[in-house]
N, C-alpha and C. Protein backbone atom coordinates (compact mmCIF):
# COMPACT_ATOMS: atom_id res chain seq x y z
N MET A 1 -0.67 -14.83 23.20
CA MET A 1 -1.51 -15.34 24.24
C MET A 1 -2.95 -14.87 24.04
N GLU A 2 -3.89 -15.74 24.32
CA GLU A 2 -5.31 -15.43 24.23
C GLU A 2 -5.78 -14.97 25.60
N THR A 3 -6.48 -13.83 25.65
CA THR A 3 -7.04 -13.33 26.89
C THR A 3 -8.51 -13.01 26.67
N LYS A 4 -9.22 -12.86 27.77
CA LYS A 4 -10.63 -12.53 27.70
C LYS A 4 -10.80 -11.08 28.15
N ARG A 5 -11.70 -10.37 27.49
CA ARG A 5 -11.92 -8.95 27.78
C ARG A 5 -13.42 -8.66 27.80
N PHE A 6 -13.83 -7.80 28.73
CA PHE A 6 -15.21 -7.34 28.79
C PHE A 6 -15.27 -5.96 28.15
N VAL A 7 -16.24 -5.74 27.26
CA VAL A 7 -16.44 -4.42 26.66
C VAL A 7 -17.88 -4.00 26.89
N GLU A 8 -18.05 -2.75 27.26
CA GLU A 8 -19.39 -2.22 27.53
C GLU A 8 -20.06 -1.78 26.23
N MET A 9 -21.38 -1.77 26.24
CA MET A 9 -22.15 -1.31 25.09
C MET A 9 -21.65 0.08 24.67
N GLY A 10 -21.38 0.23 23.38
CA GLY A 10 -20.92 1.51 22.85
C GLY A 10 -19.41 1.70 22.89
N GLU A 11 -18.70 0.82 23.56
CA GLU A 11 -17.24 0.93 23.66
C GLU A 11 -16.58 0.56 22.32
N THR A 12 -15.64 1.38 21.88
CA THR A 12 -14.90 1.08 20.66
C THR A 12 -13.81 0.07 20.98
N ILE A 13 -13.77 -1.00 20.23
CA ILE A 13 -12.75 -2.05 20.41
C ILE A 13 -11.50 -1.68 19.62
N PHE A 14 -11.70 -1.23 18.39
CA PHE A 14 -10.61 -0.65 17.61
C PHE A 14 -11.19 0.29 16.57
N ASP A 15 -10.34 1.23 16.13
CA ASP A 15 -10.74 2.24 15.14
C ASP A 15 -10.20 1.90 13.77
N GLN A 16 -10.96 2.26 12.76
CA GLN A 16 -10.52 2.15 11.37
C GLN A 16 -9.19 2.90 11.24
N GLY A 17 -8.20 2.27 10.61
CA GLY A 17 -6.90 2.89 10.40
C GLY A 17 -5.89 2.61 11.49
N SER A 18 -6.32 2.03 12.61
CA SER A 18 -5.39 1.74 13.70
C SER A 18 -4.57 0.49 13.40
N VAL A 19 -3.54 0.28 14.20
CA VAL A 19 -2.64 -0.86 14.04
C VAL A 19 -3.39 -2.17 14.30
N SER A 20 -3.16 -3.15 13.45
CA SER A 20 -3.80 -4.46 13.58
C SER A 20 -2.87 -5.40 14.33
N ASP A 21 -3.05 -5.50 15.65
CA ASP A 21 -2.14 -6.31 16.44
C ASP A 21 -2.79 -7.55 17.05
N CYS A 22 -4.11 -7.73 16.85
CA CYS A 22 -4.78 -8.91 17.38
C CYS A 22 -6.12 -9.12 16.68
N ALA A 23 -6.64 -10.32 16.85
CA ALA A 23 -7.97 -10.68 16.34
C ALA A 23 -8.86 -10.94 17.56
N TYR A 24 -10.15 -11.00 17.34
CA TYR A 24 -11.10 -11.16 18.44
C TYR A 24 -12.14 -12.22 18.08
N ILE A 25 -12.58 -12.95 19.10
CA ILE A 25 -13.68 -13.90 18.95
C ILE A 25 -14.71 -13.54 20.02
N ILE A 26 -15.95 -13.41 19.63
CA ILE A 26 -17.01 -13.02 20.56
C ILE A 26 -17.47 -14.24 21.35
N GLU A 27 -17.41 -14.12 22.67
CA GLU A 27 -17.94 -15.18 23.53
C GLU A 27 -19.41 -14.93 23.83
N SER A 28 -19.74 -13.68 24.16
CA SER A 28 -21.14 -13.32 24.42
C SER A 28 -21.34 -11.87 24.03
N GLY A 29 -22.60 -11.52 23.72
CA GLY A 29 -22.90 -10.16 23.30
C GLY A 29 -22.85 -10.04 21.79
N SER A 30 -22.66 -8.80 21.32
CA SER A 30 -22.56 -8.57 19.88
C SER A 30 -21.69 -7.35 19.61
N VAL A 31 -21.11 -7.34 18.41
CA VAL A 31 -20.18 -6.28 17.99
C VAL A 31 -20.60 -5.80 16.62
N GLU A 32 -20.61 -4.49 16.43
CA GLU A 32 -20.92 -3.95 15.12
C GLU A 32 -19.63 -3.52 14.43
N ILE A 33 -19.57 -3.79 13.14
CA ILE A 33 -18.44 -3.40 12.31
C ILE A 33 -18.90 -2.22 11.47
N LEU A 34 -18.16 -1.11 11.58
CA LEU A 34 -18.56 0.15 10.96
C LEU A 34 -17.47 0.68 10.05
N GLU A 35 -17.87 1.28 8.95
CA GLU A 35 -16.93 1.91 8.03
C GLU A 35 -17.13 3.41 8.08
N LYS A 36 -16.05 4.14 8.34
CA LYS A 36 -16.14 5.59 8.39
C LYS A 36 -16.18 6.14 6.98
N GLN A 37 -17.20 6.96 6.70
CA GLN A 37 -17.38 7.55 5.39
C GLN A 37 -16.61 8.87 5.29
N SER A 38 -16.47 9.39 4.08
CA SER A 38 -15.72 10.63 3.85
C SER A 38 -16.34 11.83 4.58
N ASP A 39 -17.64 11.76 4.87
CA ASP A 39 -18.30 12.87 5.58
C ASP A 39 -18.20 12.73 7.11
N GLY A 40 -17.47 11.70 7.57
CA GLY A 40 -17.28 11.50 9.00
C GLY A 40 -18.34 10.62 9.64
N GLU A 41 -19.40 10.31 8.93
CA GLU A 41 -20.45 9.43 9.44
C GLU A 41 -19.99 7.98 9.30
N TYR A 42 -20.63 7.10 10.07
CA TYR A 42 -20.30 5.67 10.03
C TYR A 42 -21.42 4.90 9.33
N ARG A 43 -21.03 3.92 8.54
CA ARG A 43 -21.97 3.02 7.86
C ARG A 43 -21.83 1.64 8.48
N LEU A 44 -22.95 1.07 8.90
CA LEU A 44 -22.94 -0.26 9.49
C LEU A 44 -22.67 -1.30 8.41
N ILE A 45 -21.63 -2.08 8.61
CA ILE A 45 -21.30 -3.14 7.65
C ILE A 45 -21.95 -4.45 8.07
N GLU A 46 -21.82 -4.77 9.37
CA GLU A 46 -22.33 -6.06 9.84
C GLU A 46 -22.41 -6.06 11.35
N VAL A 47 -23.32 -6.87 11.89
CA VAL A 47 -23.41 -7.11 13.32
C VAL A 47 -22.98 -8.55 13.55
N LEU A 48 -22.00 -8.73 14.42
CA LEU A 48 -21.45 -10.05 14.71
C LEU A 48 -21.94 -10.55 16.05
N LYS A 49 -22.12 -11.85 16.15
CA LYS A 49 -22.67 -12.49 17.35
C LYS A 49 -21.67 -13.51 17.92
N PRO A 50 -22.02 -14.18 19.03
CA PRO A 50 -21.09 -15.14 19.64
C PRO A 50 -20.53 -16.17 18.66
N ASN A 51 -19.27 -16.50 18.88
CA ASN A 51 -18.47 -17.44 18.09
C ASN A 51 -18.02 -16.89 16.75
N GLU A 52 -18.24 -15.59 16.51
CA GLU A 52 -17.78 -14.99 15.27
C GLU A 52 -16.46 -14.27 15.52
N ILE A 53 -15.62 -14.25 14.50
CA ILE A 53 -14.29 -13.65 14.59
C ILE A 53 -14.28 -12.32 13.84
N PHE A 54 -13.47 -11.40 14.33
CA PHE A 54 -13.26 -10.14 13.62
C PHE A 54 -11.85 -9.64 13.93
N GLY A 55 -11.34 -8.78 13.05
CA GLY A 55 -10.00 -8.25 13.22
C GLY A 55 -8.91 -9.18 12.72
N GLU A 56 -9.30 -10.28 12.10
CA GLU A 56 -8.32 -11.29 11.68
C GLU A 56 -7.53 -10.87 10.44
N MET A 57 -8.10 -10.02 9.61
CA MET A 57 -7.40 -9.64 8.37
C MET A 57 -6.07 -8.97 8.68
N GLY A 58 -6.07 -8.04 9.61
CA GLY A 58 -4.84 -7.33 9.96
C GLY A 58 -3.81 -8.20 10.62
N VAL A 59 -4.25 -9.21 11.36
CA VAL A 59 -3.31 -10.14 11.99
C VAL A 59 -2.59 -10.94 10.91
N ILE A 60 -3.28 -11.21 9.82
CA ILE A 60 -2.70 -11.97 8.72
C ILE A 60 -1.81 -11.10 7.84
N ASP A 61 -2.31 -9.91 7.44
CA ASP A 61 -1.53 -9.12 6.48
C ASP A 61 -0.77 -7.93 7.09
N GLY A 62 -1.02 -7.62 8.36
CA GLY A 62 -0.28 -6.56 9.02
C GLY A 62 -0.69 -5.14 8.62
N LEU A 63 -1.72 -5.00 7.80
CA LEU A 63 -2.17 -3.67 7.37
C LEU A 63 -3.08 -3.05 8.43
N PRO A 64 -3.26 -1.73 8.40
CA PRO A 64 -4.15 -1.07 9.37
C PRO A 64 -5.58 -1.60 9.26
N ARG A 65 -6.34 -1.40 10.33
CA ARG A 65 -7.73 -1.84 10.39
C ARG A 65 -8.55 -1.20 9.26
N SER A 66 -9.37 -2.00 8.60
CA SER A 66 -10.18 -1.51 7.48
C SER A 66 -11.53 -0.99 7.93
N ALA A 67 -11.86 -1.17 9.21
CA ALA A 67 -13.15 -0.72 9.75
C ALA A 67 -13.01 -0.51 11.25
N THR A 68 -14.05 0.04 11.84
CA THR A 68 -14.13 0.24 13.29
C THR A 68 -15.00 -0.86 13.88
N ALA A 69 -14.62 -1.37 15.06
CA ALA A 69 -15.43 -2.36 15.76
C ALA A 69 -15.90 -1.74 17.08
N ARG A 70 -17.21 -1.85 17.35
CA ARG A 70 -17.78 -1.26 18.56
C ARG A 70 -18.78 -2.24 19.16
N ALA A 71 -18.76 -2.36 20.48
CA ALA A 71 -19.70 -3.25 21.18
C ALA A 71 -21.12 -2.74 21.01
N ARG A 72 -21.98 -3.58 20.49
CA ARG A 72 -23.39 -3.21 20.30
C ARG A 72 -24.16 -3.39 21.61
N GLU A 73 -23.63 -4.25 22.46
CA GLU A 73 -24.18 -4.50 23.80
C GLU A 73 -23.01 -4.94 24.67
N ASP A 74 -23.21 -5.02 25.98
CA ASP A 74 -22.15 -5.53 26.84
C ASP A 74 -21.72 -6.89 26.30
N SER A 75 -20.40 -7.09 26.16
CA SER A 75 -19.90 -8.30 25.50
C SER A 75 -18.63 -8.80 26.16
N HIS A 76 -18.42 -10.09 26.05
CA HIS A 76 -17.15 -10.71 26.43
C HIS A 76 -16.50 -11.19 25.13
N ILE A 77 -15.23 -10.82 24.95
CA ILE A 77 -14.51 -11.20 23.74
C ILE A 77 -13.16 -11.80 24.11
N PHE A 78 -12.71 -12.74 23.31
CA PHE A 78 -11.37 -13.28 23.44
C PHE A 78 -10.45 -12.46 22.54
N VAL A 79 -9.29 -12.11 23.06
CA VAL A 79 -8.30 -11.36 22.30
C VAL A 79 -7.18 -12.31 21.94
N LEU A 80 -6.91 -12.44 20.66
CA LEU A 80 -5.89 -13.35 20.15
C LEU A 80 -4.79 -12.52 19.52
N THR A 81 -3.62 -12.47 20.18
CA THR A 81 -2.51 -11.66 19.67
C THR A 81 -1.96 -12.24 18.38
N ARG A 82 -1.22 -11.43 17.66
CA ARG A 82 -0.59 -11.88 16.41
C ARG A 82 0.32 -13.08 16.67
N ASP A 83 1.13 -13.02 17.74
CA ASP A 83 2.03 -14.13 18.05
C ASP A 83 1.25 -15.41 18.34
N ALA A 84 0.17 -15.29 19.13
CA ALA A 84 -0.65 -16.46 19.45
C ALA A 84 -1.31 -17.01 18.19
N PHE A 85 -1.77 -16.11 17.32
CA PHE A 85 -2.40 -16.51 16.08
C PHE A 85 -1.42 -17.30 15.21
N HIS A 86 -0.21 -16.77 15.07
CA HIS A 86 0.80 -17.46 14.24
C HIS A 86 1.26 -18.77 14.88
N HIS A 87 1.38 -18.79 16.21
CA HIS A 87 1.75 -20.03 16.89
C HIS A 87 0.67 -21.09 16.67
N MET A 88 -0.58 -20.68 16.79
CA MET A 88 -1.69 -21.60 16.57
C MET A 88 -1.68 -22.13 15.14
N ALA A 89 -1.41 -21.26 14.18
CA ALA A 89 -1.37 -21.67 12.78
C ALA A 89 -0.27 -22.70 12.53
N GLN A 90 0.84 -22.56 13.24
CA GLN A 90 1.94 -23.50 13.05
C GLN A 90 1.75 -24.80 13.83
N SER A 91 1.24 -24.69 15.05
CA SER A 91 1.12 -25.88 15.89
C SER A 91 -0.17 -26.66 15.65
N LYS A 92 -1.24 -25.98 15.25
CA LYS A 92 -2.54 -26.62 15.00
C LYS A 92 -3.13 -26.06 13.72
N PRO A 93 -2.57 -26.37 12.58
CA PRO A 93 -3.04 -25.78 11.33
C PRO A 93 -4.52 -26.07 11.04
N GLU A 94 -5.08 -27.11 11.62
CA GLU A 94 -6.49 -27.44 11.37
C GLU A 94 -7.44 -26.36 11.90
N VAL A 95 -7.01 -25.58 12.89
CA VAL A 95 -7.88 -24.52 13.40
C VAL A 95 -7.97 -23.35 12.43
N MET A 96 -7.11 -23.33 11.43
CA MET A 96 -7.14 -22.25 10.45
C MET A 96 -8.23 -22.44 9.41
N VAL A 97 -8.73 -23.65 9.24
CA VAL A 97 -9.75 -23.93 8.22
C VAL A 97 -11.00 -23.06 8.43
N PRO A 98 -11.57 -22.98 9.65
CA PRO A 98 -12.74 -22.10 9.80
C PRO A 98 -12.42 -20.63 9.51
N ILE A 99 -11.23 -20.20 9.85
CA ILE A 99 -10.84 -18.80 9.58
C ILE A 99 -10.72 -18.57 8.08
N LEU A 100 -10.16 -19.53 7.37
CA LEU A 100 -10.08 -19.42 5.91
C LEU A 100 -11.47 -19.38 5.30
N LYS A 101 -12.39 -20.15 5.85
CA LYS A 101 -13.77 -20.13 5.36
C LYS A 101 -14.40 -18.76 5.57
N VAL A 102 -14.10 -18.13 6.70
CA VAL A 102 -14.59 -16.78 6.97
C VAL A 102 -14.07 -15.81 5.92
N LEU A 103 -12.77 -15.88 5.64
CA LEU A 103 -12.16 -14.98 4.67
C LEU A 103 -12.73 -15.19 3.27
N VAL A 104 -12.92 -16.45 2.88
CA VAL A 104 -13.48 -16.74 1.57
C VAL A 104 -14.92 -16.24 1.49
N SER A 105 -15.68 -16.44 2.56
CA SER A 105 -17.06 -15.97 2.59
C SER A 105 -17.11 -14.46 2.48
N ARG A 106 -16.21 -13.79 3.19
CA ARG A 106 -16.16 -12.32 3.13
C ARG A 106 -15.82 -11.85 1.72
N LEU A 107 -14.89 -12.54 1.07
CA LEU A 107 -14.52 -12.19 -0.30
C LEU A 107 -15.70 -12.40 -1.24
N ARG A 108 -16.40 -13.52 -1.08
CA ARG A 108 -17.58 -13.78 -1.92
C ARG A 108 -18.65 -12.71 -1.70
N GLN A 109 -18.85 -12.30 -0.44
CA GLN A 109 -19.83 -11.26 -0.14
C GLN A 109 -19.44 -9.96 -0.82
N THR A 110 -18.18 -9.60 -0.75
CA THR A 110 -17.71 -8.37 -1.39
C THR A 110 -17.90 -8.44 -2.89
N MET A 111 -17.51 -9.57 -3.49
CA MET A 111 -17.66 -9.72 -4.93
C MET A 111 -19.13 -9.71 -5.32
N GLY A 112 -19.98 -10.35 -4.50
CA GLY A 112 -21.41 -10.39 -4.78
C GLY A 112 -22.05 -9.02 -4.68
N SER A 113 -21.62 -8.24 -3.68
CA SER A 113 -22.20 -6.91 -3.54
C SER A 113 -21.78 -6.00 -4.68
N MET A 114 -20.59 -6.24 -5.22
CA MET A 114 -20.15 -5.46 -6.37
C MET A 114 -20.96 -5.83 -7.60
N ALA A 115 -21.43 -7.08 -7.63
CA ALA A 115 -22.23 -7.53 -8.78
C ALA A 115 -23.72 -7.44 -8.50
N GLY A 116 -24.09 -7.05 -7.25
CA GLY A 116 -25.49 -6.92 -6.91
C GLY A 116 -26.15 -8.21 -6.48
N THR A 117 -25.35 -9.23 -6.19
CA THR A 117 -25.91 -10.52 -5.77
C THR A 117 -25.30 -10.95 -4.45
N CYS A 118 -25.33 -10.08 -3.48
CA CYS A 118 -24.68 -10.31 -2.19
C CYS A 118 -25.41 -11.36 -1.35
N ARG A 119 -24.65 -12.28 -0.78
CA ARG A 119 -25.16 -13.20 0.22
C ARG A 119 -24.41 -12.92 1.50
N PRO A 120 -25.05 -13.00 2.67
CA PRO A 120 -24.38 -12.68 3.93
C PRO A 120 -23.20 -13.60 4.19
N ALA A 121 -22.12 -13.03 4.69
CA ALA A 121 -20.94 -13.81 5.06
C ALA A 121 -21.17 -14.46 6.41
N ARG A 122 -20.69 -15.66 6.60
CA ARG A 122 -20.75 -16.34 7.89
C ARG A 122 -19.36 -16.26 8.50
N ARG A 123 -19.29 -15.85 9.73
CA ARG A 123 -18.02 -15.71 10.42
C ARG A 123 -17.98 -16.60 11.65
N GLU A 124 -18.90 -17.52 11.76
CA GLU A 124 -18.96 -18.32 12.96
C GLU A 124 -17.85 -19.35 12.96
N LEU A 125 -17.21 -19.47 14.11
CA LEU A 125 -16.14 -20.43 14.26
C LEU A 125 -16.67 -21.63 15.04
N HIS A 126 -16.27 -22.78 14.64
CA HIS A 126 -16.66 -24.00 15.35
C HIS A 126 -15.44 -24.54 16.06
N ARG A 127 -15.66 -25.04 17.23
CA ARG A 127 -14.54 -25.59 18.02
C ARG A 127 -13.93 -26.77 17.29
N VAL A 128 -12.60 -26.82 17.31
CA VAL A 128 -11.87 -27.92 16.67
C VAL A 128 -11.38 -28.85 17.75
């Protein structure tokens, strides 16, 4: 089931290493994605804005969260559970195309940054 949640500025939505049980879509506000470094400090990976998705990798592969998500400002987010995500994929496979584009873009960004030719990933979802 998809639900809506309000998060206050600075509130952690999920921690790196935690269980991946849902994905999120930003309705309003912004969310920062942070990677915890070996020294305990956080490195900003990306700032996400309305209509962008995050947390989807763990819903797909079931692995722990690869980063921390924190509200950069007061935000409204939709929470999409694993069951709802899989139901949507089976009943409306066309809605998966924008998510696949996000994943491919993220992969290209990672590969580009490894080669020194990084282009920003787009995570914006368009209504189907």
